[in-house]
Amino acid sequence: MTEAEAIVASGPLRGEASLTKWVTGPDGRLKTADGKATDVSDWMVDQTRNHVSNQVVRLREEQDPELRQALIENITKHYSEADTLGSLDWAMGLTDETEREMAVERISKNIITGVGVTLARSESGLPLVGSVLNTSNAKNRLRAGDQLQGIHDEQGAFHDFKEREMKDVVSRVRGQAGSMAKLRILRDGVSMDVEVERRTLVRSPGDTSSRVLTE
């Protein structure tokens, strides 16, 4: 692997941040060796911020064009996943026109459309809503702890999510901005149908880390 490839492949869980320094308590919270607990999402946001800051500092000092391009690719990936508008502000501040255009293009490619929730696999085999992005339309429709039982497609057919591969769930939940995702959820033991408008997701530092699956 070349140095440029290593830069592109690096992320907040490599190098300066390592999960081996942490243990998970019975409450599902990460704890340091001294017993201090923190939410996984808060910890991940901090690690992403630190990683991006380190890469930005290196970019200011780097002169090699290939390594600068690799650094920009890495910065735009992780920065835009945590703070869409902040990453665009940073990109527009690049003085080199070619680098600025490349950064904006990379950030634009990272912007996705969906209902705006983070998902994990529950013990029941259903996708579990971990959190809801502040900028999404799902804020008034879905709650943390909801289980996604399935989705109705445009023809009305129901697709069950139980034991379904997460990538299949992702492909059905995502869609064109402005379209409606007709989901069936399980909340407090009660099954119900909810409709959520898919939107372009603008992520902010207050949202869960990008390392958790976001749809």
N, C-alpha and C. Protein backbone atom coordinates (compact mmCIF):
# COMPACT_ATOMS: atom_id res chain seq x y z
N MET A 1 0.84 -1.20 0.00
CA MET A 1 0.00 0.00 0.00
C MET A 1 0.88 1.25 0.00
N THR A 2 0.61 2.17 -0.91
CA THR A 2 1.38 3.41 -0.96
C THR A 2 0.97 4.33 0.19
N GLU A 3 1.76 5.38 0.41
CA GLU A 3 1.44 6.32 1.48
C GLU A 3 0.12 7.02 1.20
N ALA A 4 -0.12 7.36 -0.07
CA ALA A 4 -1.38 8.02 -0.44
C ALA A 4 -2.57 7.11 -0.17
N GLU A 5 -2.45 5.83 -0.53
CA GLU A 5 -3.53 4.87 -0.29
C GLU A 5 -3.78 4.68 1.20
N ALA A 6 -2.70 4.71 1.99
CA ALA A 6 -2.83 4.57 3.44
C ALA A 6 -3.58 5.76 4.04
N ILE A 7 -3.33 6.95 3.50
CA ILE A 7 -4.02 8.15 3.99
C ILE A 7 -5.51 8.06 3.70
N VAL A 8 -5.85 7.67 2.46
CA VAL A 8 -7.26 7.56 2.07
C VAL A 8 -7.97 6.53 2.94
N ALA A 9 -7.28 5.44 3.27
CA ALA A 9 -7.89 4.35 4.03
C ALA A 9 -7.99 4.64 5.52
N SER A 10 -7.26 5.63 6.00
CA SER A 10 -7.24 5.89 7.44
C SER A 10 -8.55 6.51 7.89
N GLY A 11 -8.85 6.34 9.19
CA GLY A 11 -10.09 6.87 9.74
C GLY A 11 -9.99 7.06 11.23
N PRO A 12 -11.08 7.50 11.86
CA PRO A 12 -11.05 7.79 13.28
C PRO A 12 -10.79 6.61 14.18
N LEU A 13 -10.94 5.38 13.67
CA LEU A 13 -10.67 4.21 14.51
C LEU A 13 -9.32 3.59 14.21
N ARG A 14 -8.48 4.31 13.45
CA ARG A 14 -7.14 3.83 13.15
C ARG A 14 -6.14 4.85 13.66
N GLY A 15 -5.00 4.38 14.07
CA GLY A 15 -3.95 5.30 14.47
C GLY A 15 -4.22 5.94 15.82
N GLU A 16 -4.67 7.20 15.78
CA GLU A 16 -4.77 7.97 17.02
C GLU A 16 -5.91 7.54 17.92
N ALA A 17 -6.85 6.72 17.43
CA ALA A 17 -7.96 6.27 18.27
C ALA A 17 -8.10 4.76 18.15
N SER A 18 -8.23 4.09 19.26
CA SER A 18 -8.34 2.64 19.23
C SER A 18 -9.34 2.15 20.26
N LEU A 19 -10.24 1.28 19.82
CA LEU A 19 -11.24 0.72 20.73
C LEU A 19 -10.61 -0.17 21.79
N THR A 20 -9.34 -0.59 21.58
CA THR A 20 -8.71 -1.44 22.58
C THR A 20 -8.48 -0.71 23.88
N LYS A 21 -8.58 0.64 23.87
CA LYS A 21 -8.40 1.43 25.09
C LYS A 21 -9.68 1.48 25.91
N TRP A 22 -10.75 0.88 25.39
CA TRP A 22 -12.05 1.01 26.02
C TRP A 22 -12.65 -0.38 26.28
N VAL A 23 -13.54 -0.44 27.25
CA VAL A 23 -14.32 -1.66 27.48
C VAL A 23 -15.79 -1.27 27.52
N THR A 24 -16.66 -2.18 27.14
CA THR A 24 -18.09 -1.91 27.14
C THR A 24 -18.71 -2.44 28.41
N GLY A 25 -19.42 -1.58 29.14
CA GLY A 25 -20.07 -1.97 30.37
C GLY A 25 -21.38 -2.67 30.11
N PRO A 26 -22.03 -3.23 31.15
CA PRO A 26 -23.29 -3.94 30.99
C PRO A 26 -24.41 -3.04 30.50
N ASP A 27 -24.26 -1.72 30.65
CA ASP A 27 -25.28 -0.79 30.19
C ASP A 27 -25.08 -0.39 28.74
N GLY A 28 -24.07 -0.99 28.08
CA GLY A 28 -23.83 -0.70 26.68
C GLY A 28 -23.03 0.57 26.43
N ARG A 29 -22.54 1.20 27.51
CA ARG A 29 -21.74 2.42 27.38
C ARG A 29 -20.26 2.06 27.41
N LEU A 30 -19.47 2.83 26.66
CA LEU A 30 -18.03 2.61 26.67
C LEU A 30 -17.42 3.20 27.94
N LYS A 31 -16.41 2.51 28.47
CA LYS A 31 -15.76 2.99 29.69
C LYS A 31 -14.24 2.94 29.53
N THR A 32 -13.58 3.95 30.06
CA THR A 32 -12.13 3.97 30.06
C THR A 32 -11.63 3.11 31.21
N ALA A 33 -10.30 2.99 31.29
CA ALA A 33 -9.73 2.16 32.35
C ALA A 33 -10.07 2.69 33.74
N ASP A 34 -10.30 4.02 33.85
CA ASP A 34 -10.63 4.59 35.16
C ASP A 34 -12.11 4.52 35.47
N GLY A 35 -12.89 3.86 34.59
CA GLY A 35 -14.32 3.66 34.85
C GLY A 35 -15.22 4.75 34.33
N LYS A 36 -14.68 5.79 33.70
CA LYS A 36 -15.50 6.87 33.17
C LYS A 36 -16.28 6.37 31.97
N ALA A 37 -17.59 6.62 31.97
CA ALA A 37 -18.46 6.12 30.89
C ALA A 37 -18.80 7.24 29.92
N THR A 38 -19.07 6.86 28.68
CA THR A 38 -19.48 7.82 27.66
C THR A 38 -20.35 7.12 26.65
N ASP A 39 -21.26 7.84 26.00
CA ASP A 39 -22.07 7.27 24.94
C ASP A 39 -21.19 6.96 23.74
N VAL A 40 -21.49 5.86 23.05
CA VAL A 40 -20.71 5.49 21.86
C VAL A 40 -20.74 6.61 20.84
N SER A 41 -21.91 7.21 20.60
CA SER A 41 -22.03 8.25 19.58
C SER A 41 -21.19 9.47 19.94
N ASP A 42 -21.19 9.87 21.23
CA ASP A 42 -20.38 11.01 21.65
C ASP A 42 -18.91 10.72 21.46
N TRP A 43 -18.51 9.50 21.82
CA TRP A 43 -17.11 9.12 21.67
C TRP A 43 -16.68 9.14 20.20
N MET A 44 -17.56 8.62 19.34
CA MET A 44 -17.23 8.58 17.92
C MET A 44 -17.14 9.98 17.33
N VAL A 45 -18.02 10.88 17.74
CA VAL A 45 -17.96 12.25 17.25
C VAL A 45 -16.63 12.88 17.63
N ASP A 46 -16.20 12.65 18.86
CA ASP A 46 -14.91 13.19 19.32
C ASP A 46 -13.76 12.62 18.50
N GLN A 47 -13.79 11.32 18.23
CA GLN A 47 -12.71 10.70 17.47
C GLN A 47 -12.68 11.21 16.03
N THR A 48 -13.86 11.40 15.44
CA THR A 48 -13.93 11.92 14.08
C THR A 48 -13.37 13.34 14.04
N ARG A 49 -13.75 14.17 15.02
CA ARG A 49 -13.25 15.54 15.08
C ARG A 49 -11.74 15.57 15.21
N ASN A 50 -11.19 14.72 16.07
CA ASN A 50 -9.74 14.68 16.26
C ASN A 50 -9.02 14.22 15.00
N HIS A 51 -9.59 13.20 14.36
CA HIS A 51 -8.97 12.67 13.14
C HIS A 51 -8.94 13.73 12.05
N VAL A 52 -10.07 14.40 11.83
CA VAL A 52 -10.14 15.43 10.79
C VAL A 52 -9.18 16.57 11.10
N SER A 53 -9.13 16.98 12.36
CA SER A 53 -8.23 18.08 12.75
C SER A 53 -6.77 17.73 12.46
N ASN A 54 -6.39 16.49 12.75
CA ASN A 54 -5.03 16.05 12.49
C ASN A 54 -4.72 16.05 11.00
N GLN A 55 -5.69 15.62 10.20
CA GLN A 55 -5.49 15.59 8.75
C GLN A 55 -5.42 16.99 8.16
N VAL A 56 -6.22 17.91 8.69
CA VAL A 56 -6.20 19.30 8.21
C VAL A 56 -4.84 19.94 8.50
N VAL A 57 -4.31 19.69 9.69
CA VAL A 57 -2.99 20.22 10.04
C VAL A 57 -1.93 19.66 9.10
N ARG A 58 -2.01 18.40 8.80
CA ARG A 58 -1.03 17.79 7.90
C ARG A 58 -1.15 18.36 6.49
N LEU A 59 -2.39 18.64 6.06
CA LEU A 59 -2.60 19.20 4.73
C LEU A 59 -1.93 20.56 4.60
N ARG A 60 -1.98 21.37 5.64
CA ARG A 60 -1.36 22.70 5.59
C ARG A 60 0.15 22.61 5.36
N GLU A 61 0.75 21.51 5.84
CA GLU A 61 2.20 21.38 5.76
C GLU A 61 2.65 20.56 4.56
N GLU A 62 1.75 19.77 3.99
CA GLU A 62 2.12 18.85 2.91
C GLU A 62 2.27 19.60 1.58
N GLN A 63 3.34 19.27 0.84
CA GLN A 63 3.60 19.91 -0.45
C GLN A 63 3.41 18.96 -1.63
N ASP A 64 3.52 17.66 -1.38
CA ASP A 64 3.41 16.68 -2.46
C ASP A 64 1.97 16.64 -2.98
N PRO A 65 1.75 16.87 -4.29
CA PRO A 65 0.39 16.93 -4.86
C PRO A 65 -0.41 15.65 -4.63
N GLU A 66 0.22 14.49 -4.79
CA GLU A 66 -0.50 13.23 -4.63
C GLU A 66 -0.95 13.03 -3.19
N LEU A 67 -0.08 13.37 -2.24
CA LEU A 67 -0.44 13.21 -0.83
C LEU A 67 -1.48 14.25 -0.42
N ARG A 68 -1.41 15.45 -1.00
CA ARG A 68 -2.42 16.47 -0.71
C ARG A 68 -3.80 15.99 -1.18
N GLN A 69 -3.84 15.39 -2.37
CA GLN A 69 -5.11 14.87 -2.89
C GLN A 69 -5.65 13.78 -1.98
N ALA A 70 -4.77 12.89 -1.52
CA ALA A 70 -5.20 11.81 -0.63
C ALA A 70 -5.73 12.38 0.69
N LEU A 71 -5.07 13.41 1.22
CA LEU A 71 -5.53 14.03 2.46
C LEU A 71 -6.89 14.68 2.28
N ILE A 72 -7.09 15.36 1.16
CA ILE A 72 -8.38 16.00 0.89
C ILE A 72 -9.48 14.96 0.78
N GLU A 73 -9.21 13.85 0.11
CA GLU A 73 -10.20 12.78 -0.01
C GLU A 73 -10.60 12.26 1.38
N ASN A 74 -9.61 12.07 2.23
CA ASN A 74 -9.88 11.55 3.56
C ASN A 74 -10.64 12.57 4.42
N ILE A 75 -10.22 13.83 4.36
CA ILE A 75 -10.88 14.87 5.14
C ILE A 75 -12.34 15.03 4.72
N THR A 76 -12.59 15.11 3.42
CA THR A 76 -13.96 15.33 2.94
C THR A 76 -14.86 14.15 3.31
N LYS A 77 -14.33 12.94 3.28
CA LYS A 77 -15.14 11.77 3.63
C LYS A 77 -15.60 11.85 5.08
N HIS A 78 -14.66 12.00 6.00
CA HIS A 78 -15.00 11.94 7.42
C HIS A 78 -15.65 13.23 7.92
N TYR A 79 -15.22 14.36 7.39
CA TYR A 79 -15.80 15.64 7.81
C TYR A 79 -17.25 15.73 7.36
N SER A 80 -17.52 15.38 6.10
CA SER A 80 -18.89 15.50 5.59
C SER A 80 -19.83 14.51 6.26
N GLU A 81 -19.30 13.36 6.71
CA GLU A 81 -20.14 12.38 7.39
C GLU A 81 -20.57 12.86 8.77
N ALA A 82 -19.80 13.80 9.34
CA ALA A 82 -20.12 14.31 10.67
C ALA A 82 -20.75 15.69 10.64
N ASP A 83 -20.40 16.51 9.65
CA ASP A 83 -20.87 17.90 9.60
C ASP A 83 -20.90 18.36 8.15
N THR A 84 -22.03 18.20 7.47
CA THR A 84 -22.13 18.49 6.05
C THR A 84 -21.79 19.94 5.73
N LEU A 85 -22.46 20.88 6.42
CA LEU A 85 -22.26 22.30 6.13
C LEU A 85 -20.86 22.76 6.54
N GLY A 86 -20.37 22.24 7.67
CA GLY A 86 -19.02 22.60 8.10
C GLY A 86 -17.97 22.16 7.10
N SER A 87 -18.17 20.97 6.53
CA SER A 87 -17.21 20.47 5.55
C SER A 87 -17.23 21.31 4.27
N LEU A 88 -18.41 21.77 3.88
CA LEU A 88 -18.51 22.62 2.69
C LEU A 88 -17.83 23.97 2.94
N ASP A 89 -18.01 24.52 4.13
CA ASP A 89 -17.33 25.78 4.48
C ASP A 89 -15.82 25.61 4.40
N TRP A 90 -15.34 24.48 4.92
CA TRP A 90 -13.89 24.21 4.87
C TRP A 90 -13.43 24.09 3.42
N ALA A 91 -14.17 23.34 2.61
CA ALA A 91 -13.78 23.13 1.21
C ALA A 91 -13.72 24.44 0.44
N MET A 92 -14.70 25.31 0.67
CA MET A 92 -14.73 26.59 -0.05
C MET A 92 -13.59 27.50 0.38
N GLY A 93 -12.96 27.20 1.50
CA GLY A 93 -11.84 28.01 1.98
C GLY A 93 -10.50 27.58 1.40
N LEU A 94 -10.47 26.47 0.66
CA LEU A 94 -9.21 26.04 0.03
C LEU A 94 -8.81 27.04 -1.05
N THR A 95 -7.57 27.44 -1.06
CA THR A 95 -7.13 28.50 -1.98
C THR A 95 -6.86 27.99 -3.39
N ASP A 96 -6.47 26.73 -3.50
CA ASP A 96 -6.21 26.16 -4.83
C ASP A 96 -7.54 25.78 -5.48
N GLU A 97 -7.81 26.31 -6.67
CA GLU A 97 -9.11 26.10 -7.31
C GLU A 97 -9.37 24.62 -7.61
N THR A 98 -8.36 23.91 -8.09
CA THR A 98 -8.53 22.49 -8.42
C THR A 98 -8.85 21.69 -7.16
N GLU A 99 -8.12 21.97 -6.08
CA GLU A 99 -8.38 21.26 -4.82
C GLU A 99 -9.76 21.62 -4.27
N ARG A 100 -10.15 22.87 -4.41
CA ARG A 100 -11.46 23.30 -3.92
C ARG A 100 -12.58 22.58 -4.66
N GLU A 101 -12.48 22.52 -5.98
CA GLU A 101 -13.50 21.84 -6.78
C GLU A 101 -13.56 20.35 -6.45
N MET A 102 -12.39 19.75 -6.26
CA MET A 102 -12.36 18.32 -5.92
C MET A 102 -13.02 18.06 -4.57
N ALA A 103 -12.72 18.91 -3.59
CA ALA A 103 -13.29 18.74 -2.26
C ALA A 103 -14.80 18.87 -2.28
N VAL A 104 -15.31 19.88 -2.97
CA VAL A 104 -16.76 20.08 -3.05
C VAL A 104 -17.43 18.90 -3.75
N GLU A 105 -16.79 18.39 -4.80
CA GLU A 105 -17.34 17.24 -5.53
C GLU A 105 -17.40 16.01 -4.63
N ARG A 106 -16.33 15.77 -3.85
CA ARG A 106 -16.31 14.61 -2.95
C ARG A 106 -17.41 14.73 -1.89
N ILE A 107 -17.57 15.92 -1.34
CA ILE A 107 -18.59 16.12 -0.31
C ILE A 107 -19.98 15.90 -0.89
N SER A 108 -20.22 16.40 -2.10
CA SER A 108 -21.52 16.24 -2.75
C SER A 108 -21.85 14.77 -2.96
N LYS A 109 -20.85 13.95 -3.27
CA LYS A 109 -21.07 12.52 -3.48
C LYS A 109 -21.40 11.81 -2.18
N ASN A 110 -20.97 12.37 -1.05
CA ASN A 110 -21.23 11.75 0.26
C ASN A 110 -22.61 12.07 0.79
N ILE A 111 -23.28 13.05 0.20
CA ILE A 111 -24.61 13.43 0.67
C ILE A 111 -25.62 12.38 0.20
N ILE A 112 -26.42 11.85 1.11
CA ILE A 112 -27.37 10.79 0.78
C ILE A 112 -28.79 11.24 1.08
N THR A 113 -29.73 10.49 0.54
CA THR A 113 -31.14 10.73 0.87
C THR A 113 -31.67 9.52 1.62
N GLY A 114 -32.58 9.75 2.53
CA GLY A 114 -33.15 8.66 3.31
C GLY A 114 -34.11 9.21 4.34
N VAL A 115 -34.48 8.38 5.31
CA VAL A 115 -35.42 8.83 6.34
C VAL A 115 -34.70 9.42 7.54
N GLY A 116 -33.37 9.22 7.64
CA GLY A 116 -32.61 9.90 8.68
C GLY A 116 -32.56 9.21 10.02
N VAL A 117 -32.34 7.90 10.05
CA VAL A 117 -32.19 7.19 11.31
C VAL A 117 -30.92 6.35 11.29
N THR A 118 -30.41 6.04 12.46
CA THR A 118 -29.31 5.09 12.57
C THR A 118 -29.89 3.74 12.93
N LEU A 119 -29.34 2.69 12.33
CA LEU A 119 -29.90 1.35 12.49
C LEU A 119 -28.87 0.38 13.04
N ALA A 120 -29.36 -0.57 13.82
CA ALA A 120 -28.55 -1.69 14.29
C ALA A 120 -29.45 -2.92 14.28
N ARG A 121 -28.87 -4.10 14.39
CA ARG A 121 -29.66 -5.34 14.41
C ARG A 121 -30.07 -5.64 15.85
N SER A 122 -31.37 -5.82 16.08
CA SER A 122 -31.87 -6.14 17.41
C SER A 122 -31.80 -7.64 17.66
N GLU A 123 -32.01 -8.05 18.91
CA GLU A 123 -31.99 -9.47 19.25
C GLU A 123 -33.11 -10.24 18.55
N SER A 124 -34.17 -9.53 18.18
CA SER A 124 -35.29 -10.18 17.51
C SER A 124 -35.00 -10.44 16.03
N GLY A 125 -33.90 -9.89 15.52
CA GLY A 125 -33.58 -10.04 14.11
C GLY A 125 -34.09 -8.91 13.25
N LEU A 126 -34.78 -7.94 13.86
CA LEU A 126 -35.30 -6.78 13.13
C LEU A 126 -34.34 -5.61 13.25
N PRO A 127 -34.27 -4.74 12.23
CA PRO A 127 -33.47 -3.52 12.35
C PRO A 127 -34.03 -2.65 13.46
N LEU A 128 -33.15 -2.12 14.29
CA LEU A 128 -33.53 -1.31 15.44
C LEU A 128 -33.08 0.12 15.23
N VAL A 129 -34.00 1.08 15.45
CA VAL A 129 -33.65 2.49 15.34
C VAL A 129 -32.83 2.89 16.56
N GLY A 130 -31.59 3.34 16.32
CA GLY A 130 -30.73 3.76 17.41
C GLY A 130 -30.94 5.22 17.76
N SER A 131 -31.03 6.07 16.76
CA SER A 131 -31.28 7.49 16.95
C SER A 131 -31.84 8.06 15.68
N VAL A 132 -32.37 9.27 15.77
CA VAL A 132 -32.98 9.95 14.63
C VAL A 132 -32.23 11.25 14.39
N LEU A 133 -31.77 11.45 13.17
CA LEU A 133 -31.01 12.67 12.86
C LEU A 133 -31.87 13.91 13.07
N ASN A 134 -31.26 14.94 13.63
CA ASN A 134 -32.00 16.17 13.93
C ASN A 134 -32.58 16.83 12.69
N THR A 135 -31.91 16.63 11.54
CA THR A 135 -32.33 17.32 10.32
C THR A 135 -33.32 16.51 9.48
N SER A 136 -33.77 15.38 9.97
CA SER A 136 -34.62 14.51 9.16
C SER A 136 -36.10 14.69 9.48
N ASN A 137 -36.95 14.28 8.53
CA ASN A 137 -38.39 14.34 8.72
C ASN A 137 -38.89 13.26 9.66
N ALA A 138 -38.01 12.29 9.96
CA ALA A 138 -38.40 11.18 10.83
C ALA A 138 -38.50 11.60 12.29
N LYS A 139 -38.06 12.81 12.62
CA LYS A 139 -38.02 13.26 14.01
C LYS A 139 -39.39 13.14 14.68
N ASN A 140 -40.45 13.37 13.93
CA ASN A 140 -41.80 13.31 14.50
C ASN A 140 -42.51 12.00 14.18
N ARG A 141 -41.81 11.05 13.55
CA ARG A 141 -42.44 9.80 13.15
C ARG A 141 -41.82 8.57 13.82
N LEU A 142 -40.52 8.60 13.97
CA LEU A 142 -39.81 7.44 14.52
C LEU A 142 -39.10 7.82 15.81
N ARG A 143 -38.90 6.79 16.65
CA ARG A 143 -38.22 7.01 17.93
C ARG A 143 -37.11 5.98 18.10
N ALA A 144 -36.12 6.34 18.90
CA ALA A 144 -35.09 5.37 19.26
C ALA A 144 -35.75 4.19 19.95
N GLY A 145 -35.39 2.98 19.53
CA GLY A 145 -35.98 1.78 20.11
C GLY A 145 -37.05 1.16 19.22
N ASP A 146 -37.55 1.91 18.23
CA ASP A 146 -38.50 1.34 17.27
C ASP A 146 -37.80 0.23 16.48
N GLN A 147 -38.55 -0.84 16.19
CA GLN A 147 -38.02 -1.89 15.33
C GLN A 147 -38.73 -1.83 13.98
N LEU A 148 -37.94 -1.89 12.91
CA LEU A 148 -38.51 -1.84 11.57
C LEU A 148 -38.89 -3.25 11.13
N GLN A 149 -40.21 -3.48 11.02
CA GLN A 149 -40.68 -4.80 10.61
C GLN A 149 -40.64 -4.99 9.10
N GLY A 150 -40.77 -3.89 8.36
CA GLY A 150 -40.74 -4.00 6.91
C GLY A 150 -41.15 -2.70 6.25
N ILE A 151 -41.32 -2.75 4.94
CA ILE A 151 -41.66 -1.57 4.17
C ILE A 151 -42.59 -1.95 3.03
N HIS A 152 -43.53 -1.07 2.70
CA HIS A 152 -44.40 -1.25 1.54
C HIS A 152 -43.76 -0.55 0.35
N ASP A 153 -43.65 -1.26 -0.78
CA ASP A 153 -43.09 -0.61 -1.96
C ASP A 153 -44.15 0.20 -2.69
N GLU A 154 -43.79 0.80 -3.80
CA GLU A 154 -44.71 1.68 -4.53
C GLU A 154 -45.92 0.94 -5.06
N GLN A 155 -45.79 -0.38 -5.25
CA GLN A 155 -46.92 -1.18 -5.74
C GLN A 155 -47.77 -1.71 -4.58
N GLY A 156 -47.37 -1.42 -3.36
CA GLY A 156 -48.14 -1.86 -2.20
C GLY A 156 -47.69 -3.17 -1.61
N ALA A 157 -46.73 -3.83 -2.25
CA ALA A 157 -46.23 -5.11 -1.73
C ALA A 157 -45.41 -4.86 -0.46
N PHE A 158 -45.55 -5.77 0.50
CA PHE A 158 -44.85 -5.63 1.77
C PHE A 158 -43.58 -6.47 1.76
N HIS A 159 -42.47 -5.88 2.20
CA HIS A 159 -41.19 -6.57 2.27
C HIS A 159 -40.75 -6.66 3.73
N ASP A 160 -40.71 -7.89 4.24
CA ASP A 160 -40.40 -8.15 5.64
C ASP A 160 -38.89 -7.97 5.88
N PHE A 161 -38.54 -7.27 6.96
CA PHE A 161 -37.14 -7.02 7.27
C PHE A 161 -36.54 -8.03 8.24
N LYS A 162 -37.33 -8.94 8.77
CA LYS A 162 -36.81 -9.88 9.77
C LYS A 162 -35.73 -10.76 9.16
N GLU A 163 -34.55 -10.76 9.80
CA GLU A 163 -33.39 -11.53 9.36
C GLU A 163 -32.91 -11.14 7.96
N ARG A 164 -33.37 -10.00 7.45
CA ARG A 164 -32.93 -9.54 6.13
C ARG A 164 -31.54 -8.92 6.25
N GLU A 165 -30.71 -9.13 5.24
CA GLU A 165 -29.39 -8.50 5.23
C GLU A 165 -29.55 -6.99 5.33
N MET A 166 -28.69 -6.35 6.14
CA MET A 166 -28.82 -4.93 6.37
C MET A 166 -28.68 -4.13 5.07
N LYS A 167 -27.86 -4.61 4.15
CA LYS A 167 -27.71 -3.89 2.88
C LYS A 167 -29.02 -3.90 2.09
N ASP A 168 -29.82 -4.96 2.24
CA ASP A 168 -31.12 -5.01 1.57
C ASP A 168 -32.09 -4.03 2.22
N VAL A 169 -32.02 -3.95 3.56
CA VAL A 169 -32.85 -2.98 4.28
C VAL A 169 -32.50 -1.57 3.82
N VAL A 170 -31.20 -1.30 3.74
CA VAL A 170 -30.71 0.02 3.34
C VAL A 170 -31.23 0.40 1.96
N SER A 171 -31.13 -0.53 1.01
CA SER A 171 -31.52 -0.22 -0.36
C SER A 171 -33.01 0.08 -0.47
N ARG A 172 -33.83 -0.51 0.40
CA ARG A 172 -35.28 -0.26 0.34
C ARG A 172 -35.68 0.99 1.10
N VAL A 173 -34.95 1.30 2.18
CA VAL A 173 -35.29 2.49 2.96
C VAL A 173 -34.85 3.76 2.24
N ARG A 174 -33.70 3.70 1.60
CA ARG A 174 -33.25 4.86 0.85
C ARG A 174 -34.10 5.04 -0.40
N GLY A 175 -34.03 6.24 -0.96
CA GLY A 175 -34.79 6.50 -2.18
C GLY A 175 -34.69 7.96 -2.57
N GLN A 176 -35.46 8.34 -3.53
CA GLN A 176 -35.40 9.70 -4.05
C GLN A 176 -35.95 10.69 -3.03
N ALA A 177 -35.27 11.82 -2.90
CA ALA A 177 -35.74 12.87 -1.99
C ALA A 177 -37.14 13.31 -2.38
N GLY A 178 -38.03 13.42 -1.41
CA GLY A 178 -39.41 13.81 -1.67
C GLY A 178 -40.37 12.64 -1.73
N SER A 179 -39.83 11.43 -1.92
CA SER A 179 -40.70 10.25 -1.94
C SER A 179 -41.00 9.80 -0.52
N MET A 180 -42.02 8.97 -0.36
CA MET A 180 -42.45 8.52 0.97
C MET A 180 -42.00 7.09 1.23
N ALA A 181 -41.43 6.87 2.40
CA ALA A 181 -41.09 5.51 2.85
C ALA A 181 -42.23 5.04 3.75
N LYS A 182 -42.95 4.01 3.32
CA LYS A 182 -44.08 3.49 4.08
C LYS A 182 -43.62 2.31 4.92
N LEU A 183 -43.26 2.60 6.16
CA LEU A 183 -42.64 1.63 7.05
C LEU A 183 -43.65 1.01 8.01
N ARG A 184 -43.43 -0.24 8.36
CA ARG A 184 -44.17 -0.87 9.44
C ARG A 184 -43.20 -1.04 10.60
N ILE A 185 -43.57 -0.50 11.76
CA ILE A 185 -42.67 -0.54 12.90
C ILE A 185 -43.33 -1.26 14.08
N LEU A 186 -42.49 -1.71 14.98
CA LEU A 186 -42.94 -2.31 16.23
C LEU A 186 -42.48 -1.40 17.37
N ARG A 187 -43.46 -0.83 18.09
CA ARG A 187 -43.14 0.09 19.18
C ARG A 187 -43.89 -0.34 20.44
N ASP A 188 -43.15 -0.64 21.49
CA ASP A 188 -43.76 -1.05 22.76
C ASP A 188 -44.73 -2.21 22.57
N GLY A 189 -44.35 -3.14 21.68
CA GLY A 189 -45.16 -4.33 21.45
C GLY A 189 -46.31 -4.14 20.50
N VAL A 190 -46.49 -2.92 19.97
CA VAL A 190 -47.60 -2.63 19.06
C VAL A 190 -47.06 -2.37 17.66
N SER A 191 -47.63 -3.06 16.68
CA SER A 191 -47.24 -2.88 15.29
C SER A 191 -48.07 -1.77 14.66
N MET A 192 -47.41 -0.88 13.92
CA MET A 192 -48.12 0.23 13.28
C MET A 192 -47.39 0.65 12.01
N ASP A 193 -48.15 1.26 11.10
CA ASP A 193 -47.58 1.77 9.86
C ASP A 193 -47.34 3.28 9.98
N VAL A 194 -46.17 3.72 9.52
CA VAL A 194 -45.85 5.15 9.51
C VAL A 194 -45.27 5.51 8.15
N GLU A 195 -45.53 6.72 7.72
CA GLU A 195 -44.97 7.22 6.48
C GLU A 195 -43.97 8.33 6.79
N VAL A 196 -42.79 8.21 6.21
CA VAL A 196 -41.74 9.19 6.43
C VAL A 196 -41.23 9.67 5.08
N GLU A 197 -41.18 10.98 4.92
CA GLU A 197 -40.68 11.54 3.67
C GLU A 197 -39.15 11.42 3.64
N ARG A 198 -38.65 10.90 2.54
CA ARG A 198 -37.20 10.83 2.36
C ARG A 198 -36.68 12.23 2.02
N ARG A 199 -35.56 12.58 2.62
CA ARG A 199 -34.98 13.89 2.39
C ARG A 199 -33.47 13.78 2.19
N THR A 200 -32.90 14.82 1.60
CA THR A 200 -31.45 14.93 1.57
C THR A 200 -30.98 15.16 2.99
N LEU A 201 -30.08 14.33 3.47
CA LEU A 201 -29.68 14.37 4.87
C LEU A 201 -28.46 15.25 5.07
N VAL A 202 -28.68 16.35 5.76
CA VAL A 202 -27.59 17.25 6.13
C VAL A 202 -27.21 16.93 7.56
N ARG A 203 -26.02 16.38 7.73
CA ARG A 203 -25.61 15.95 9.06
C ARG A 203 -24.92 17.07 9.82
N SER A 204 -25.14 17.09 11.13
CA SER A 204 -24.56 18.11 11.99
C SER A 204 -23.83 17.44 13.13
N PRO A 205 -22.92 18.16 13.83
CA PRO A 205 -22.14 17.55 14.91
C PRO A 205 -22.99 16.96 16.02
N GLY A 206 -24.24 17.39 16.16
CA GLY A 206 -25.10 16.87 17.21
C GLY A 206 -25.72 15.54 16.87
N ASP A 207 -25.56 15.09 15.62
CA ASP A 207 -26.13 13.81 15.22
C ASP A 207 -25.16 12.69 15.53
N THR A 208 -25.70 11.46 15.55
CA THR A 208 -24.87 10.29 15.79
C THR A 208 -23.75 10.17 14.77
N SER A 209 -22.64 9.60 15.20
CA SER A 209 -21.48 9.45 14.34
C SER A 209 -21.80 8.70 13.07
N SER A 210 -21.07 9.05 12.01
CA SER A 210 -21.27 8.42 10.72
C SER A 210 -20.90 6.96 10.71
N ARG A 211 -20.16 6.49 11.68
CA ARG A 211 -19.77 5.09 11.70
C ARG A 211 -20.95 4.17 12.01
N VAL A 212 -22.03 4.74 12.52
CA VAL A 212 -23.25 3.96 12.70
C VAL A 212 -24.05 4.09 11.43
N LEU A 213 -24.62 2.99 10.95
CA LEU A 213 -25.36 3.00 9.69
C LEU A 213 -26.46 4.04 9.70
N THR A 214 -26.44 4.94 8.75
CA THR A 214 -27.46 6.00 8.67
C THR A 214 -28.24 5.85 7.39
N GLU A 215 -29.58 5.89 7.50
CA GLU A 215 -30.44 5.76 6.33
C GLU A 215 -31.44 6.90 6.30
